[in-house]
Amino acid sequence: MKYHGEFLDKVDRLGVHRTKSECGKGVRCNIALYMYPDGHGNFYLMKDSGAWITHKNKELSSPSNNLLETVDIFIDILYVMYKRAKKIRPR
């Protein structure tokens, strides 16, 4: 969680939410990833409806400069989801 910490904080607070099916036994995060041939791209957070999640009237996104940074952001998103899922208590 290096240089894109602000985005990951928004992922944790706004993007990751408990699933509604099967008594909410897990978490969900909807992301869209734009990738270009040279490996740079951008992650966007989406609502279940498919609309972009916004904060202060701007789409929540995190740019990546190359393929390794893209992979790093993706791993960090998975880690945020893992931490959130661990907090769910079985019903």
N, C-alpha and C. Protein backbone atom coordinates (compact mmCIF):
# COMPACT_ATOMS: atom_id res chain seq x y z
N MET A 1 0.84 -1.17 0.00
CA MET A 1 0.00 0.00 0.00
C MET A 1 0.89 1.23 0.00
N LYS A 2 1.59 1.39 -1.07
CA LYS A 2 2.62 2.40 -1.14
C LYS A 2 2.07 3.74 -1.58
N TYR A 3 2.18 4.04 -2.85
CA TYR A 3 1.90 5.36 -3.40
C TYR A 3 0.44 5.56 -3.75
N HIS A 4 -0.40 4.56 -3.66
CA HIS A 4 -1.82 4.71 -4.00
C HIS A 4 -2.69 4.48 -2.77
N GLY A 5 -2.18 4.86 -1.61
CA GLY A 5 -2.89 4.65 -0.35
C GLY A 5 -4.23 5.36 -0.27
N GLU A 6 -4.33 6.56 -0.82
CA GLU A 6 -5.60 7.30 -0.76
C GLU A 6 -6.67 6.55 -1.54
N PHE A 7 -6.31 6.02 -2.71
CA PHE A 7 -7.26 5.24 -3.49
C PHE A 7 -7.68 3.99 -2.72
N LEU A 8 -6.72 3.31 -2.09
CA LEU A 8 -7.04 2.08 -1.35
C LEU A 8 -7.88 2.38 -0.13
N ASP A 9 -7.71 3.55 0.47
CA ASP A 9 -8.58 3.93 1.58
C ASP A 9 -10.01 4.06 1.09
N LYS A 10 -10.19 4.62 -0.09
CA LYS A 10 -11.52 4.74 -0.68
C LYS A 10 -12.07 3.36 -1.06
N VAL A 11 -11.19 2.47 -1.54
CA VAL A 11 -11.60 1.10 -1.84
C VAL A 11 -12.17 0.47 -0.58
N ASP A 12 -11.44 0.63 0.53
CA ASP A 12 -11.86 0.02 1.79
C ASP A 12 -13.17 0.63 2.30
N ARG A 13 -13.29 1.95 2.23
CA ARG A 13 -14.48 2.62 2.78
C ARG A 13 -15.68 2.59 1.85
N LEU A 14 -15.44 2.73 0.54
CA LEU A 14 -16.56 2.88 -0.39
C LEU A 14 -16.72 1.71 -1.34
N GLY A 15 -15.61 1.09 -1.73
CA GLY A 15 -15.68 0.09 -2.77
C GLY A 15 -15.92 -1.33 -2.29
N VAL A 16 -15.39 -1.67 -1.13
CA VAL A 16 -15.56 -3.03 -0.61
C VAL A 16 -16.80 -3.07 0.27
N HIS A 17 -17.70 -3.97 -0.06
CA HIS A 17 -18.91 -4.10 0.75
C HIS A 17 -19.29 -5.57 0.88
N ARG A 18 -20.01 -5.84 1.92
CA ARG A 18 -20.43 -7.21 2.20
C ARG A 18 -21.41 -7.70 1.13
N THR A 19 -21.25 -8.93 0.72
CA THR A 19 -22.16 -9.49 -0.28
C THR A 19 -23.54 -9.67 0.32
N LYS A 20 -24.54 -9.67 -0.53
CA LYS A 20 -25.92 -9.81 -0.06
C LYS A 20 -26.41 -11.24 -0.17
N SER A 21 -25.81 -12.03 -1.03
CA SER A 21 -26.26 -13.42 -1.20
C SER A 21 -25.66 -14.32 -0.12
N GLU A 22 -26.30 -15.40 0.16
CA GLU A 22 -25.84 -16.41 1.12
C GLU A 22 -25.46 -15.80 2.47
N CYS A 23 -26.32 -14.96 3.00
CA CYS A 23 -26.14 -14.35 4.32
C CYS A 23 -24.90 -13.46 4.39
N GLY A 24 -24.44 -12.96 3.27
CA GLY A 24 -23.30 -12.03 3.28
C GLY A 24 -22.03 -12.64 3.82
N LYS A 25 -21.64 -13.78 3.32
CA LYS A 25 -20.48 -14.50 3.85
C LYS A 25 -19.14 -13.99 3.32
N GLY A 26 -19.15 -12.99 2.45
CA GLY A 26 -17.91 -12.49 1.88
C GLY A 26 -18.04 -11.02 1.55
N VAL A 27 -17.04 -10.50 0.84
CA VAL A 27 -17.05 -9.11 0.43
C VAL A 27 -16.92 -9.02 -1.08
N ARG A 28 -17.31 -7.87 -1.60
CA ARG A 28 -17.29 -7.66 -3.04
C ARG A 28 -16.70 -6.28 -3.32
N CYS A 29 -15.96 -6.19 -4.41
CA CYS A 29 -15.44 -4.92 -4.88
C CYS A 29 -15.49 -4.95 -6.39
N ASN A 30 -16.22 -4.02 -6.98
CA ASN A 30 -16.34 -3.96 -8.43
C ASN A 30 -15.33 -2.96 -8.97
N ILE A 31 -14.44 -3.44 -9.81
CA ILE A 31 -13.44 -2.56 -10.42
C ILE A 31 -13.48 -2.72 -11.93
N ALA A 32 -13.14 -1.65 -12.58
CA ALA A 32 -12.92 -1.68 -14.03
C ALA A 32 -11.45 -1.32 -14.22
N LEU A 33 -10.80 -1.99 -15.13
CA LEU A 33 -9.38 -1.74 -15.38
C LEU A 33 -9.20 -1.44 -16.86
N TYR A 34 -8.66 -0.28 -17.15
CA TYR A 34 -8.28 0.06 -18.51
C TYR A 34 -6.79 -0.20 -18.65
N MET A 35 -6.42 -0.97 -19.66
CA MET A 35 -5.02 -1.32 -19.87
C MET A 35 -4.62 -0.98 -21.30
N TYR A 36 -3.48 -0.37 -21.44
CA TYR A 36 -2.95 -0.01 -22.75
C TYR A 36 -1.78 -0.94 -23.10
N PRO A 37 -1.42 -1.02 -24.39
CA PRO A 37 -0.38 -1.97 -24.81
C PRO A 37 0.95 -1.84 -24.06
N ASP A 38 1.29 -0.63 -23.63
CA ASP A 38 2.57 -0.47 -22.92
C ASP A 38 2.47 -0.81 -21.43
N GLY A 39 1.26 -1.21 -20.95
CA GLY A 39 1.09 -1.64 -19.57
C GLY A 39 0.55 -0.58 -18.63
N HIS A 40 0.47 0.68 -19.07
CA HIS A 40 -0.12 1.68 -18.17
C HIS A 40 -1.64 1.57 -18.25
N GLY A 41 -2.30 2.03 -17.23
CA GLY A 41 -3.74 1.91 -17.21
C GLY A 41 -4.35 2.68 -16.06
N ASN A 42 -5.59 2.33 -15.72
CA ASN A 42 -6.31 3.00 -14.66
C ASN A 42 -7.34 2.06 -14.08
N PHE A 43 -7.43 2.02 -12.75
CA PHE A 43 -8.46 1.27 -12.03
C PHE A 43 -9.58 2.24 -11.68
N TYR A 44 -10.82 1.80 -11.86
CA TYR A 44 -11.99 2.57 -11.46
C TYR A 44 -12.84 1.70 -10.54
N LEU A 45 -13.46 2.32 -9.54
CA LEU A 45 -14.41 1.62 -8.67
C LEU A 45 -15.81 1.79 -9.23
N MET A 46 -16.59 0.71 -9.16
CA MET A 46 -17.95 0.74 -9.69
C MET A 46 -18.95 0.25 -8.65
N LYS A 47 -20.16 0.76 -8.74
CA LYS A 47 -21.27 0.27 -7.92
C LYS A 47 -21.78 -1.03 -8.52
N ASP A 48 -22.58 -1.78 -7.77
CA ASP A 48 -23.17 -3.01 -8.29
C ASP A 48 -24.00 -2.75 -9.56
N SER A 49 -24.54 -1.56 -9.66
CA SER A 49 -25.36 -1.20 -10.82
C SER A 49 -24.53 -0.97 -12.08
N GLY A 50 -23.21 -0.86 -11.91
CA GLY A 50 -22.34 -0.59 -13.04
C GLY A 50 -21.94 0.87 -13.16
N ALA A 51 -22.53 1.73 -12.35
CA ALA A 51 -22.17 3.15 -12.37
C ALA A 51 -20.85 3.36 -11.64
N TRP A 52 -20.12 4.40 -12.03
CA TRP A 52 -18.86 4.70 -11.36
C TRP A 52 -19.13 5.18 -9.93
N ILE A 53 -18.27 4.82 -9.00
CA ILE A 53 -18.32 5.39 -7.66
C ILE A 53 -17.55 6.71 -7.72
N THR A 54 -18.17 7.75 -7.19
CA THR A 54 -17.53 9.06 -7.21
C THR A 54 -17.30 9.55 -5.79
N HIS A 55 -16.35 10.45 -5.66
CA HIS A 55 -16.05 11.12 -4.40
C HIS A 55 -15.75 12.57 -4.74
N LYS A 56 -16.50 13.49 -4.16
CA LYS A 56 -16.38 14.92 -4.47
C LYS A 56 -16.53 15.16 -5.97
N ASN A 57 -17.52 14.49 -6.56
CA ASN A 57 -17.88 14.62 -7.98
C ASN A 57 -16.79 14.17 -8.94
N LYS A 58 -15.85 13.35 -8.47
CA LYS A 58 -14.83 12.79 -9.36
C LYS A 58 -14.88 11.27 -9.27
N GLU A 59 -14.68 10.61 -10.40
CA GLU A 59 -14.64 9.15 -10.39
C GLU A 59 -13.46 8.68 -9.56
N LEU A 60 -13.70 7.65 -8.72
CA LEU A 60 -12.60 7.10 -7.94
C LEU A 60 -11.74 6.24 -8.85
N SER A 61 -10.50 6.62 -8.98
CA SER A 61 -9.62 5.88 -9.86
C SER A 61 -8.19 5.95 -9.35
N SER A 62 -7.38 5.05 -9.84
CA SER A 62 -5.96 5.03 -9.51
C SER A 62 -5.18 4.71 -10.78
N PRO A 63 -4.36 5.63 -11.24
CA PRO A 63 -3.59 5.36 -12.45
C PRO A 63 -2.39 4.47 -12.14
N SER A 64 -2.00 3.70 -13.14
CA SER A 64 -0.76 2.93 -13.03
C SER A 64 0.11 3.27 -14.23
N ASN A 65 1.40 3.35 -14.00
CA ASN A 65 2.33 3.79 -15.03
C ASN A 65 2.90 2.68 -15.89
N ASN A 66 2.84 1.45 -15.38
CA ASN A 66 3.40 0.32 -16.12
C ASN A 66 2.75 -0.97 -15.61
N LEU A 67 3.10 -2.06 -16.23
CA LEU A 67 2.47 -3.35 -15.90
C LEU A 67 2.72 -3.75 -14.45
N LEU A 68 3.93 -3.58 -13.94
CA LEU A 68 4.23 -3.98 -12.56
C LEU A 68 3.43 -3.16 -11.56
N GLU A 69 3.28 -1.88 -11.83
CA GLU A 69 2.49 -1.03 -10.93
C GLU A 69 1.01 -1.44 -10.98
N THR A 70 0.53 -1.82 -12.15
CA THR A 70 -0.85 -2.30 -12.29
C THR A 70 -1.07 -3.54 -11.44
N VAL A 71 -0.14 -4.48 -11.53
CA VAL A 71 -0.23 -5.71 -10.74
C VAL A 71 -0.15 -5.38 -9.25
N ASP A 72 0.71 -4.45 -8.87
CA ASP A 72 0.86 -4.06 -7.47
C ASP A 72 -0.44 -3.48 -6.92
N ILE A 73 -1.10 -2.62 -7.68
CA ILE A 73 -2.37 -2.05 -7.24
C ILE A 73 -3.42 -3.15 -7.09
N PHE A 74 -3.46 -4.06 -8.05
CA PHE A 74 -4.43 -5.16 -7.99
C PHE A 74 -4.21 -6.01 -6.74
N ILE A 75 -2.97 -6.33 -6.44
CA ILE A 75 -2.65 -7.12 -5.24
C ILE A 75 -3.09 -6.36 -3.99
N ASP A 76 -2.84 -5.05 -3.97
CA ASP A 76 -3.25 -4.25 -2.81
C ASP A 76 -4.77 -4.23 -2.64
N ILE A 77 -5.51 -4.18 -3.75
CA ILE A 77 -6.97 -4.24 -3.67
C ILE A 77 -7.40 -5.58 -3.08
N LEU A 78 -6.79 -6.66 -3.53
CA LEU A 78 -7.12 -7.98 -2.98
C LEU A 78 -6.81 -8.04 -1.48
N TYR A 79 -5.72 -7.42 -1.06
CA TYR A 79 -5.36 -7.42 0.35
C TYR A 79 -6.39 -6.64 1.18
N VAL A 80 -6.84 -5.51 0.67
CA VAL A 80 -7.89 -4.73 1.35
C VAL A 80 -9.15 -5.59 1.50
N MET A 81 -9.51 -6.30 0.44
CA MET A 81 -10.70 -7.16 0.48
C MET A 81 -10.50 -8.29 1.50
N TYR A 82 -9.32 -8.87 1.53
CA TYR A 82 -9.02 -9.95 2.48
C TYR A 82 -9.17 -9.47 3.91
N LYS A 83 -8.61 -8.28 4.21
CA LYS A 83 -8.73 -7.75 5.58
C LYS A 83 -10.18 -7.50 5.95
N ARG A 84 -10.99 -6.98 5.02
CA ARG A 84 -12.39 -6.71 5.29
C ARG A 84 -13.15 -8.01 5.50
N ALA A 85 -12.85 -9.02 4.68
CA ALA A 85 -13.54 -10.30 4.78
C ALA A 85 -13.25 -10.99 6.11
N LYS A 86 -12.03 -10.83 6.61
CA LYS A 86 -11.67 -11.47 7.89
C LYS A 86 -12.50 -10.92 9.04
N LYS A 87 -13.04 -9.71 8.90
CA LYS A 87 -13.82 -9.09 9.98
C LYS A 87 -15.25 -9.63 10.03
N ILE A 88 -15.67 -10.36 9.02
CA ILE A 88 -17.05 -10.89 8.99
C ILE A 88 -17.16 -12.06 9.95
N ARG A 89 -18.11 -11.97 10.82
CA ARG A 89 -18.37 -13.05 11.78
C ARG A 89 -19.44 -13.98 11.22
N PRO A 90 -19.24 -15.28 11.35
CA PRO A 90 -20.28 -16.21 10.88
C PRO A 90 -21.57 -15.99 11.64
N ARG A 91 -22.68 -16.14 10.95
CA ARG A 91 -23.99 -15.94 11.61
C ARG A 91 -24.51 -17.24 12.14
